[in-house]
C-alpha cells in the first residue's frame, strides 16, 4: 500500500479510488446469485446525541461484502427532540406504501415500525432515549415520510434523602 505522504498531493487523487471498495462489484455479486429482489442499499447516518457525542447508525437491507439479509428494508429514521414544544418527533422515510399499511407499536421505550405494500416491505425497531407519553402518539404519512409525534414527559429526579445534616459533606 502506498503512503499518502510519499506520492504528493496530485498522487493522492490517483491512488484514492484504489483505497475504497467498488460498490458496483458488490451489487454484481448479488445479480449472479439469482436474486432479483432489489433495490439494494446500505448507508450510515451520523448525528450528535444529547450528551454531545456522535451517534453513528447503519441502515439498509445489505452490508458491503455480505449476502442480502432480507427483502425487508430498514427505513432511514431521525429522532428530533423539541424542548420548546415538549415533543419528540420520529421521522421515517418509507416510500411506496399507503398510510393504512403502516403498523406502529410502542412498548418499553421502543418504537416498532413496520409496513408492507406489494413488494415494498419495511421494518425497524427504534429506541427512544427520552421519556415520552406512549399514549400521546400522533402519526401522519405524506409523500413517503412517516412522522410520529410524542409528548415529552419530565424526567423524574431520583427520590431519596440526604444522610448529612445541613447538606454538608
Protein backbone atom coordinates (compact mmCIF):
# COMPACT_ATOMS: atom_id res chain seq x y z
CA UNK A 1 0.00 0.00 0.00
CA UNK A 2 1.29 3.43 -0.91
CA UNK A 3 1.74 6.08 1.76
CA UNK A 4 -0.07 9.39 1.08
CA UNK A 5 2.97 11.39 2.09
CA UNK A 6 5.22 9.63 -0.42
CA UNK A 7 3.12 10.44 -3.51
CA UNK A 8 2.43 14.15 -3.04
CA UNK A 9 -0.85 15.99 -3.34
CA UNK A 10 -1.56 15.13 -7.00
CA UNK A 11 -0.76 11.48 -6.42
CA UNK A 12 -3.36 11.22 -3.69
CA UNK A 13 -6.17 11.59 -6.21
CA UNK A 14 -4.64 8.91 -8.45
CA UNK A 15 -4.44 6.26 -5.73
CA UNK A 16 -7.61 7.23 -3.82
CA UNK A 17 -10.05 5.15 -5.91
CA UNK A 18 -7.97 2.04 -5.18
CA UNK A 19 -8.33 2.55 -1.43
CA UNK A 20 -12.13 2.22 -1.46
CA UNK A 21 -14.19 -0.81 -2.42
CA UNK A 22 -16.20 -0.67 -5.61
CA UNK A 23 -19.88 -0.80 -4.62
CA UNK A 24 -20.84 -1.90 -8.14
CA UNK A 25 -18.83 -5.11 -7.66
CA UNK A 26 -20.86 -5.93 -4.56
CA UNK A 27 -24.16 -5.48 -6.43
CA UNK A 28 -22.94 -7.59 -9.35
CA UNK A 29 -22.31 -10.41 -6.86
CA UNK A 30 -26.00 -10.41 -5.93
CA UNK A 31 -27.13 -10.48 -9.56
CA UNK A 32 -25.09 -13.64 -10.05
CA UNK A 33 -26.91 -15.32 -7.15
CA UNK A 34 -30.22 -15.15 -9.00
CA UNK A 35 -31.67 -12.70 -6.50
CA UNK A 36 -33.78 -10.10 -8.29
CA UNK A 37 -35.48 -8.61 -5.25
CA UNK A 38 -33.54 -5.29 -5.27
CA UNK A 39 -33.04 -2.45 -4.85
CA UNK A 40 -30.10 -2.88 -2.57
CA UNK A 41 -28.92 -0.07 -0.37
CA UNK A 42 -26.74 0.49 2.64
CA UNK A 43 -25.55 3.54 4.48
CA UNK A 44 -24.69 5.34 7.66
CA UNK A 45 -26.21 8.29 9.43
CA UNK A 46 -24.33 10.36 11.93
CA UNK A 47 -25.94 12.64 14.46
CA UNK A 48 -24.90 14.25 17.70
CA UNK A 49 -26.54 12.79 20.80
CA UNK A 50 -27.93 14.81 23.68
CA UNK A 51 -24.65 14.18 25.52
CA UNK A 52 -22.69 15.84 22.68
CA UNK A 53 -21.14 12.59 21.46
CA UNK A 54 -21.53 11.40 17.85
CA UNK A 55 -24.02 8.60 17.19
CA UNK A 56 -23.41 6.51 14.06
CA UNK A 57 -26.19 4.21 12.83
CA UNK A 58 -26.25 1.80 9.91
CA UNK A 59 -29.32 1.37 7.70
CA UNK A 60 -30.30 -0.59 4.64
CA UNK A 61 -31.01 -4.14 3.59
CA UNK A 62 -27.46 -5.22 2.75
CA UNK A 63 -23.99 -4.65 4.14
CA UNK A 64 -20.95 -4.43 1.88
CA UNK A 65 -19.33 -7.82 1.46
CA UNK A 66 -22.25 -9.72 2.99
CA UNK A 67 -25.12 -11.57 1.41
CA UNK A 68 -28.53 -9.98 1.27
CA UNK A 69 -30.08 -10.48 4.69
CA UNK A 70 -33.72 -9.74 3.95
CA UNK A 71 -36.18 -8.40 1.43
CA UNK A 72 -37.40 -6.14 4.20
CA UNK A 73 -35.84 -2.71 4.15
CA UNK A 74 -34.81 -0.74 7.19
CA UNK A 75 -36.03 2.83 6.71
CA UNK A 76 -33.88 5.84 7.47
CA UNK A 77 -35.14 7.21 10.82
CA UNK A 78 -34.39 10.50 12.57
CA UNK A 79 -35.41 11.43 16.10
CA UNK A 80 -35.84 15.11 16.87
CA UNK A 81 -36.37 16.40 20.41
CA UNK A 82 -38.13 19.76 20.58
CA UNK A 83 -37.69 21.00 24.16
CA UNK A 84 -39.57 24.21 23.37
CA UNK A 85 -42.76 22.42 22.29
CA UNK A 86 -42.08 19.48 24.65
CA UNK A 87 -42.35 16.81 21.94
CA UNK A 88 -40.23 14.05 20.44
CA UNK A 89 -40.61 13.58 16.68
CA UNK A 90 -39.70 10.34 14.98
CA UNK A 91 -39.39 10.73 11.20
CA UNK A 92 -39.04 7.66 8.93
CA UNK A 93 -38.61 7.55 5.16
CA UNK A 94 -40.87 4.79 3.84
CA UNK A 95 -41.76 5.48 0.18
CA UNK A 96 -44.10 3.31 -1.88
CA UNK A 97 -46.62 2.41 0.80
CA UNK A 98 -50.01 3.69 1.89
CA UNK A 99 -50.89 5.18 5.28
CA UNK A 100 -53.11 2.16 6.00
CA UNK A 101 -50.11 -0.20 5.53
CA UNK A 102 -48.20 1.26 8.48
CA UNK A 103 -48.18 -0.57 11.82
CA UNK A 104 -46.77 1.19 14.89
CA UNK A 105 -46.24 -0.49 18.25
CA UNK A 106 -44.74 1.46 21.17
CA UNK A 107 -43.52 -0.53 24.13
CA UNK A 108 -40.80 0.00 26.75
CA UNK A 109 -39.15 2.97 25.01
CA UNK A 110 -39.01 1.03 21.70
CA UNK A 111 -41.00 2.11 18.64
CA UNK A 112 -41.57 -0.86 16.33
CA UNK A 113 -42.40 0.33 12.79
CA UNK A 114 -43.47 -1.99 10.01
CA UNK A 115 -45.25 -1.59 6.69
CA UNK A 116 -45.92 -3.76 3.67
CA UNK A 117 -47.44 -2.81 0.32
CA UNK A 118 -46.96 -5.05 -2.72
CA UNK A 119 -43.19 -5.59 -2.96
CA UNK A 120 -42.29 -2.80 -0.51
CA UNK A 121 -41.58 -4.09 2.99
CA UNK A 122 -40.19 -2.02 5.86
CA UNK A 123 -39.32 -2.84 9.44
CA UNK A 124 -37.25 -1.15 12.15
CA UNK A 125 -37.14 -1.03 15.93
CA UNK A 126 -36.23 2.46 17.13
CA UNK A 127 -35.12 3.04 20.73
CA UNK A 128 -36.34 6.33 22.19
CA UNK A 129 -33.86 7.72 24.72
CA UNK A 130 -36.26 10.25 26.25
CA UNK A 131 -39.23 9.62 28.48
CA UNK A 132 -42.36 10.05 26.37
CA UNK A 133 -46.09 9.53 26.86
CA UNK A 134 -46.65 6.41 24.75
CA UNK A 135 -50.40 7.07 24.59
CA UNK A 136 -49.89 10.55 23.13
CA UNK A 137 -48.52 9.29 19.80
CA UNK A 138 -49.91 11.04 16.73
CA UNK A 139 -48.82 9.82 13.30
CA UNK A 140 -49.03 11.30 9.83
CA UNK A 141 -47.83 9.92 6.49
CA UNK A 142 -47.31 12.06 3.42
CA UNK A 143 -45.12 11.68 0.33
CA UNK A 144 -43.25 8.65 1.70
CA UNK A 145 -42.44 10.26 5.04
CA UNK A 146 -43.92 8.95 8.28
CA UNK A 147 -43.89 11.35 11.23
CA UNK A 148 -44.80 10.25 14.74
CA UNK A 149 -45.03 12.87 17.50
CA UNK A 150 -44.92 12.00 21.20
CA UNK A 151 -45.41 14.32 24.17
CA UNK A 152 -42.20 14.62 26.15
CA UNK A 153 -42.50 13.82 29.85
CA UNK A 154 -40.34 15.38 32.52
CA UNK A 155 -37.60 13.11 33.75
CA UNK A 156 -38.17 12.32 37.39
CA UNK A 157 -35.36 13.21 39.71
CA UNK A 158 -34.19 10.35 41.92
CA UNK A 159 -36.02 10.27 45.21
CA UNK A 160 -34.06 9.92 48.38
CA UNK A 161 -32.93 11.73 51.44
CA UNK A 162 -29.56 13.12 52.30
CA UNK A 163 -27.99 11.47 55.29
CA UNK A 164 -25.84 14.55 56.00
CA UNK A 165 -27.11 17.29 58.28
CA UNK A 166 -27.26 20.78 56.81
CA UNK A 167 -26.44 19.27 53.40
CA UNK A 168 -22.71 19.37 54.15
CA UNK A 169 -20.37 16.60 53.36
